[in-house]
Amino acid sequence: MKLSITRGTTMSFLLTIQNDDGTIYYLKDGEKLIFGVKFDIESDDYLIKKIIIAENREENGYLISLKPEDTQKLEFKDYRYDIGLQTNDGNYYMLVLCSPFVVNKAVTAKE
């Protein structure tokens, strides 16, 4: 899933996790979602990293929010992101595979 954001703006989206049988999966205490953005996927350095825990649930999903300061210093180019689920039993699942994360220019800006 490609994400596109205008640099220095706000963006939020709701991630719903489904089990193989189609039922909704809810995070248990101690589990977390990890949203990460990098330019070089081989690097250990995240440009943006968000940790979402069970308490962040909204209805049937988990809100992932980017604030203006998350992208304010990024260059206008294509990056990569993914979203993983770290479970209590030590397993790690990729919910969103490595996908494009595009930072765009804007004509207008916040006043």
N, C-alpha and C. Protein backbone atom coordinates (compact mmCIF):
# COMPACT_ATOMS: atom_id res chain seq x y z
N MET A 1 0.85 -1.17 0.00
CA MET A 1 0.00 0.00 0.00
C MET A 1 0.89 1.24 0.00
N LYS A 2 0.81 2.03 -1.03
CA LYS A 2 1.60 3.26 -1.14
C LYS A 2 1.00 4.34 -0.25
N LEU A 3 1.87 5.03 0.49
CA LEU A 3 1.45 6.20 1.27
C LEU A 3 2.10 7.43 0.66
N SER A 4 1.34 8.48 0.57
CA SER A 4 1.83 9.74 0.03
C SER A 4 1.42 10.85 0.99
N ILE A 5 2.37 11.70 1.35
CA ILE A 5 2.10 12.79 2.29
C ILE A 5 2.78 14.06 1.79
N THR A 6 2.16 15.18 2.02
CA THR A 6 2.79 16.45 1.74
C THR A 6 3.64 16.82 2.95
N ARG A 7 4.89 17.18 2.68
CA ARG A 7 5.82 17.47 3.78
C ARG A 7 5.25 18.51 4.73
N GLY A 8 5.36 18.22 6.04
CA GLY A 8 4.93 19.16 7.06
C GLY A 8 3.43 19.16 7.33
N THR A 9 2.73 18.12 6.89
CA THR A 9 1.29 18.06 7.14
C THR A 9 0.95 16.90 8.07
N THR A 10 -0.32 16.82 8.41
CA THR A 10 -0.83 15.77 9.29
C THR A 10 -1.49 14.69 8.45
N MET A 11 -1.27 13.43 8.83
CA MET A 11 -1.94 12.32 8.16
C MET A 11 -2.18 11.22 9.19
N SER A 12 -3.38 10.67 9.17
CA SER A 12 -3.71 9.55 10.05
C SER A 12 -4.45 8.50 9.24
N PHE A 13 -4.23 7.24 9.62
CA PHE A 13 -5.00 6.17 9.02
C PHE A 13 -5.20 5.07 10.05
N LEU A 14 -6.29 4.35 9.89
CA LEU A 14 -6.66 3.29 10.82
C LEU A 14 -6.24 1.95 10.24
N LEU A 15 -5.47 1.19 11.00
CA LEU A 15 -5.02 -0.13 10.59
C LEU A 15 -5.83 -1.17 11.35
N THR A 16 -6.55 -2.00 10.62
CA THR A 16 -7.29 -3.11 11.20
C THR A 16 -6.54 -4.39 10.91
N ILE A 17 -6.35 -5.22 11.92
CA ILE A 17 -5.61 -6.47 11.78
C ILE A 17 -6.62 -7.62 11.75
N GLN A 18 -6.49 -8.48 10.76
CA GLN A 18 -7.38 -9.63 10.66
C GLN A 18 -6.62 -10.93 10.79
N ASN A 19 -7.23 -11.87 11.50
CA ASN A 19 -6.71 -13.23 11.57
C ASN A 19 -6.96 -13.92 10.23
N ASP A 20 -6.36 -15.08 10.04
CA ASP A 20 -6.54 -15.83 8.81
C ASP A 20 -8.00 -16.17 8.54
N ASP A 21 -8.80 -16.31 9.58
CA ASP A 21 -10.22 -16.66 9.42
C ASP A 21 -11.11 -15.43 9.22
N GLY A 22 -10.51 -14.24 9.13
CA GLY A 22 -11.27 -13.01 8.88
C GLY A 22 -11.72 -12.28 10.12
N THR A 23 -11.54 -12.87 11.30
CA THR A 23 -11.91 -12.18 12.53
C THR A 23 -10.87 -11.10 12.84
N ILE A 24 -11.28 -10.11 13.60
CA ILE A 24 -10.38 -9.01 13.93
C ILE A 24 -9.44 -9.40 15.06
N TYR A 25 -8.18 -9.07 14.89
CA TYR A 25 -7.16 -9.34 15.91
C TYR A 25 -6.93 -8.06 16.70
N TYR A 26 -6.99 -8.17 18.02
CA TYR A 26 -6.72 -7.04 18.90
C TYR A 26 -5.41 -7.29 19.63
N LEU A 27 -4.60 -6.25 19.73
CA LEU A 27 -3.33 -6.37 20.44
C LEU A 27 -3.58 -6.71 21.90
N LYS A 28 -2.73 -7.57 22.42
CA LYS A 28 -2.76 -7.90 23.84
C LYS A 28 -1.76 -7.01 24.57
N ASP A 29 -1.89 -6.88 25.88
CA ASP A 29 -0.93 -6.09 26.64
C ASP A 29 0.48 -6.59 26.36
N GLY A 30 1.39 -5.67 26.09
CA GLY A 30 2.78 -6.02 25.81
C GLY A 30 3.07 -6.19 24.33
N GLU A 31 2.05 -6.35 23.50
CA GLU A 31 2.28 -6.46 22.05
C GLU A 31 2.30 -5.06 21.45
N LYS A 32 2.91 -4.95 20.27
CA LYS A 32 2.98 -3.63 19.65
C LYS A 32 3.07 -3.72 18.15
N LEU A 33 2.57 -2.66 17.53
CA LEU A 33 2.75 -2.45 16.10
C LEU A 33 3.92 -1.49 15.94
N ILE A 34 4.74 -1.72 14.95
CA ILE A 34 5.87 -0.83 14.67
C ILE A 34 5.72 -0.34 13.24
N PHE A 35 5.53 0.98 13.10
CA PHE A 35 5.48 1.66 11.81
C PHE A 35 6.82 2.34 11.63
N GLY A 36 7.51 2.04 10.54
CA GLY A 36 8.82 2.64 10.32
C GLY A 36 9.00 3.12 8.91
N VAL A 37 9.70 4.27 8.77
CA VAL A 37 10.03 4.84 7.47
C VAL A 37 11.53 5.00 7.39
N LYS A 38 12.10 4.56 6.27
CA LYS A 38 13.54 4.69 6.03
C LYS A 38 13.77 5.10 4.59
N PHE A 39 14.95 5.70 4.32
CA PHE A 39 15.35 5.93 2.94
C PHE A 39 16.12 4.71 2.45
N ASP A 40 17.05 4.26 3.27
CA ASP A 40 17.86 3.09 2.96
C ASP A 40 17.38 1.95 3.85
N ILE A 41 16.74 0.95 3.27
CA ILE A 41 16.16 -0.11 4.09
C ILE A 41 17.22 -0.96 4.78
N GLU A 42 18.46 -0.85 4.35
CA GLU A 42 19.55 -1.59 4.99
C GLU A 42 20.07 -0.87 6.23
N SER A 43 19.70 0.39 6.39
CA SER A 43 20.15 1.20 7.52
C SER A 43 19.40 0.83 8.79
N ASP A 44 20.04 1.03 9.93
CA ASP A 44 19.38 0.82 11.23
C ASP A 44 18.62 2.06 11.68
N ASP A 45 18.78 3.17 10.97
CA ASP A 45 18.20 4.44 11.38
C ASP A 45 16.83 4.67 10.74
N TYR A 46 15.83 4.87 11.60
CA TYR A 46 14.50 5.23 11.12
C TYR A 46 14.42 6.74 10.96
N LEU A 47 13.78 7.18 9.88
CA LEU A 47 13.46 8.60 9.73
C LEU A 47 12.19 8.92 10.50
N ILE A 48 11.28 7.97 10.51
CA ILE A 48 10.05 8.06 11.30
C ILE A 48 9.82 6.69 11.90
N LYS A 49 9.50 6.66 13.19
CA LYS A 49 9.16 5.39 13.85
C LYS A 49 8.04 5.66 14.84
N LYS A 50 6.98 4.88 14.72
CA LYS A 50 5.84 5.00 15.62
C LYS A 50 5.57 3.63 16.24
N ILE A 51 5.35 3.62 17.54
CA ILE A 51 5.00 2.41 18.27
C ILE A 51 3.54 2.54 18.70
N ILE A 52 2.74 1.56 18.35
CA ILE A 52 1.32 1.56 18.68
C ILE A 52 1.06 0.36 19.58
N ILE A 53 0.40 0.60 20.71
CA ILE A 53 0.15 -0.46 21.69
C ILE A 53 -1.35 -0.68 21.86
N ALA A 54 -1.72 -1.68 22.65
CA ALA A 54 -3.12 -2.07 22.83
C ALA A 54 -4.00 -0.90 23.24
N GLU A 55 -3.50 -0.02 24.08
CA GLU A 55 -4.29 1.11 24.57
C GLU A 55 -4.61 2.12 23.48
N ASN A 56 -3.95 2.03 22.32
CA ASN A 56 -4.18 2.96 21.22
C ASN A 56 -5.32 2.52 20.30
N ARG A 57 -6.04 1.49 20.68
CA ARG A 57 -7.12 0.97 19.83
C ARG A 57 -8.24 1.98 19.71
N GLU A 58 -8.75 2.11 18.50
CA GLU A 58 -9.92 2.93 18.21
C GLU A 58 -10.90 2.07 17.43
N GLU A 59 -12.00 1.75 18.04
CA GLU A 59 -13.01 0.84 17.48
C GLU A 59 -12.34 -0.48 17.12
N ASN A 60 -12.30 -0.84 15.85
CA ASN A 60 -11.75 -2.14 15.44
C ASN A 60 -10.33 -2.06 14.89
N GLY A 61 -9.65 -0.95 15.13
CA GLY A 61 -8.30 -0.81 14.57
C GLY A 61 -7.41 0.06 15.43
N TYR A 62 -6.28 0.39 14.86
CA TYR A 62 -5.26 1.17 15.56
C TYR A 62 -4.88 2.36 14.69
N LEU A 63 -4.98 3.56 15.29
CA LEU A 63 -4.70 4.79 14.56
C LEU A 63 -3.20 5.04 14.49
N ILE A 64 -2.72 5.21 13.27
CA ILE A 64 -1.32 5.59 13.05
C ILE A 64 -1.35 7.03 12.58
N SER A 65 -0.75 7.92 13.35
CA SER A 65 -0.81 9.36 13.06
C SER A 65 0.57 9.93 12.83
N LEU A 66 0.67 10.71 11.77
CA LEU A 66 1.89 11.46 11.48
C LEU A 66 1.61 12.93 11.72
N LYS A 67 2.50 13.58 12.43
CA LYS A 67 2.37 14.99 12.73
C LYS A 67 3.26 15.79 11.78
N PRO A 68 3.02 17.09 11.63
CA PRO A 68 3.85 17.89 10.73
C PRO A 68 5.35 17.75 10.99
N GLU A 69 5.74 17.69 12.25
CA GLU A 69 7.17 17.61 12.56
C GLU A 69 7.80 16.27 12.15
N ASP A 70 6.99 15.25 11.91
CA ASP A 70 7.52 13.95 11.48
C ASP A 70 8.14 14.01 10.09
N THR A 71 7.59 14.87 9.22
CA THR A 71 8.08 14.94 7.84
C THR A 71 8.72 16.28 7.48
N GLN A 72 8.69 17.24 8.40
CA GLN A 72 9.14 18.60 8.10
C GLN A 72 10.55 18.68 7.53
N LYS A 73 11.44 17.82 7.97
CA LYS A 73 12.84 17.90 7.53
C LYS A 73 13.20 16.88 6.46
N LEU A 74 12.23 16.11 6.00
CA LEU A 74 12.49 15.13 4.96
C LEU A 74 12.58 15.79 3.60
N GLU A 75 13.43 15.26 2.74
CA GLU A 75 13.54 15.75 1.37
C GLU A 75 12.34 15.27 0.56
N PHE A 76 12.10 15.93 -0.57
CA PHE A 76 11.01 15.54 -1.45
C PHE A 76 11.48 14.37 -2.30
N LYS A 77 11.17 13.16 -1.85
CA LYS A 77 11.54 11.98 -2.61
C LYS A 77 10.80 10.77 -2.07
N ASP A 78 11.13 9.63 -2.65
CA ASP A 78 10.49 8.38 -2.26
C ASP A 78 11.29 7.69 -1.17
N TYR A 79 10.58 7.26 -0.15
CA TYR A 79 11.15 6.49 0.96
C TYR A 79 10.45 5.14 0.96
N ARG A 80 10.73 4.32 1.97
CA ARG A 80 10.08 3.02 2.13
C ARG A 80 9.54 2.92 3.56
N TYR A 81 8.42 2.23 3.72
CA TYR A 81 7.86 2.00 5.05
C TYR A 81 7.32 0.59 5.13
N ASP A 82 7.13 0.12 6.34
CA ASP A 82 6.39 -1.11 6.57
C ASP A 82 5.79 -1.06 7.97
N ILE A 83 4.93 -2.03 8.25
CA ILE A 83 4.30 -2.12 9.56
C ILE A 83 4.39 -3.57 10.03
N GLY A 84 4.97 -3.74 11.21
CA GLY A 84 5.12 -5.08 11.77
C GLY A 84 4.37 -5.22 13.09
N LEU A 85 4.07 -6.45 13.43
CA LEU A 85 3.41 -6.79 14.69
C LEU A 85 4.36 -7.64 15.52
N GLN A 86 4.72 -7.15 16.70
CA GLN A 86 5.56 -7.91 17.64
C GLN A 86 4.66 -8.47 18.72
N THR A 87 4.62 -9.80 18.83
CA THR A 87 3.73 -10.46 19.78
C THR A 87 4.45 -10.78 21.08
N ASN A 88 3.67 -11.14 22.07
CA ASN A 88 4.22 -11.47 23.39
C ASN A 88 5.10 -12.72 23.38
N ASP A 89 4.83 -13.63 22.44
CA ASP A 89 5.60 -14.88 22.41
C ASP A 89 6.88 -14.76 21.58
N GLY A 90 7.24 -13.51 21.21
CA GLY A 90 8.50 -13.28 20.51
C GLY A 90 8.41 -13.37 19.00
N ASN A 91 7.24 -13.60 18.45
CA ASN A 91 7.09 -13.64 16.99
C ASN A 91 6.95 -12.23 16.43
N TYR A 92 7.30 -12.09 15.16
CA TYR A 92 7.20 -10.81 14.47
C TYR A 92 6.57 -11.06 13.11
N TYR A 93 5.47 -10.39 12.84
CA TYR A 93 4.73 -10.56 11.59
C TYR A 93 4.71 -9.25 10.81
N MET A 94 4.88 -9.34 9.50
CA MET A 94 4.78 -8.15 8.65
C MET A 94 3.31 -8.00 8.23
N LEU A 95 2.69 -6.91 8.66
CA LEU A 95 1.30 -6.64 8.30
C LEU A 95 1.20 -5.86 7.00
N VAL A 96 2.13 -4.93 6.81
CA VAL A 96 2.24 -4.20 5.54
C VAL A 96 3.68 -4.38 5.09
N LEU A 97 3.85 -5.02 3.94
CA LEU A 97 5.20 -5.26 3.42
C LEU A 97 5.84 -3.95 2.98
N CYS A 98 7.15 -3.96 2.85
CA CYS A 98 7.92 -2.78 2.44
C CYS A 98 7.28 -2.14 1.21
N SER A 99 6.84 -0.89 1.36
CA SER A 99 6.06 -0.20 0.34
C SER A 99 6.53 1.24 0.21
N PRO A 100 6.15 1.92 -0.90
CA PRO A 100 6.55 3.31 -1.10
C PRO A 100 5.91 4.26 -0.09
N PHE A 101 6.71 5.22 0.36
CA PHE A 101 6.27 6.33 1.22
C PHE A 101 6.82 7.58 0.55
N VAL A 102 5.94 8.35 -0.07
CA VAL A 102 6.34 9.49 -0.89
C VAL A 102 6.09 10.80 -0.16
N VAL A 103 7.12 11.66 -0.12
CA VAL A 103 6.99 12.98 0.47
C VAL A 103 6.91 13.99 -0.67
N ASN A 104 5.79 14.72 -0.72
CA ASN A 104 5.51 15.65 -1.81
C ASN A 104 5.69 17.10 -1.39
N LYS A 105 5.84 17.96 -2.40
CA LYS A 105 5.88 19.41 -2.18
C LYS A 105 4.46 19.95 -2.13
N ALA A 106 4.32 21.16 -1.64
CA ALA A 106 3.03 21.84 -1.61
C ALA A 106 3.17 23.27 -2.09
N VAL A 107 2.08 23.82 -2.56
CA VAL A 107 2.06 25.21 -2.97
C VAL A 107 1.76 26.09 -1.76
N THR A 108 0.81 25.65 -0.93
CA THR A 108 0.44 26.41 0.26
C THR A 108 1.14 25.86 1.48
N ALA A 109 1.10 26.62 2.56
CA ALA A 109 1.71 26.18 3.82
C ALA A 109 0.89 26.75 4.98
N LYS A 110 1.09 26.16 6.13
CA LYS A 110 0.43 26.61 7.35
C LYS A 110 0.88 28.03 7.67
N GLU A 111 -0.08 28.88 8.04
CA GLU A 111 0.26 30.28 8.37
C GLU A 111 0.31 30.46 9.86
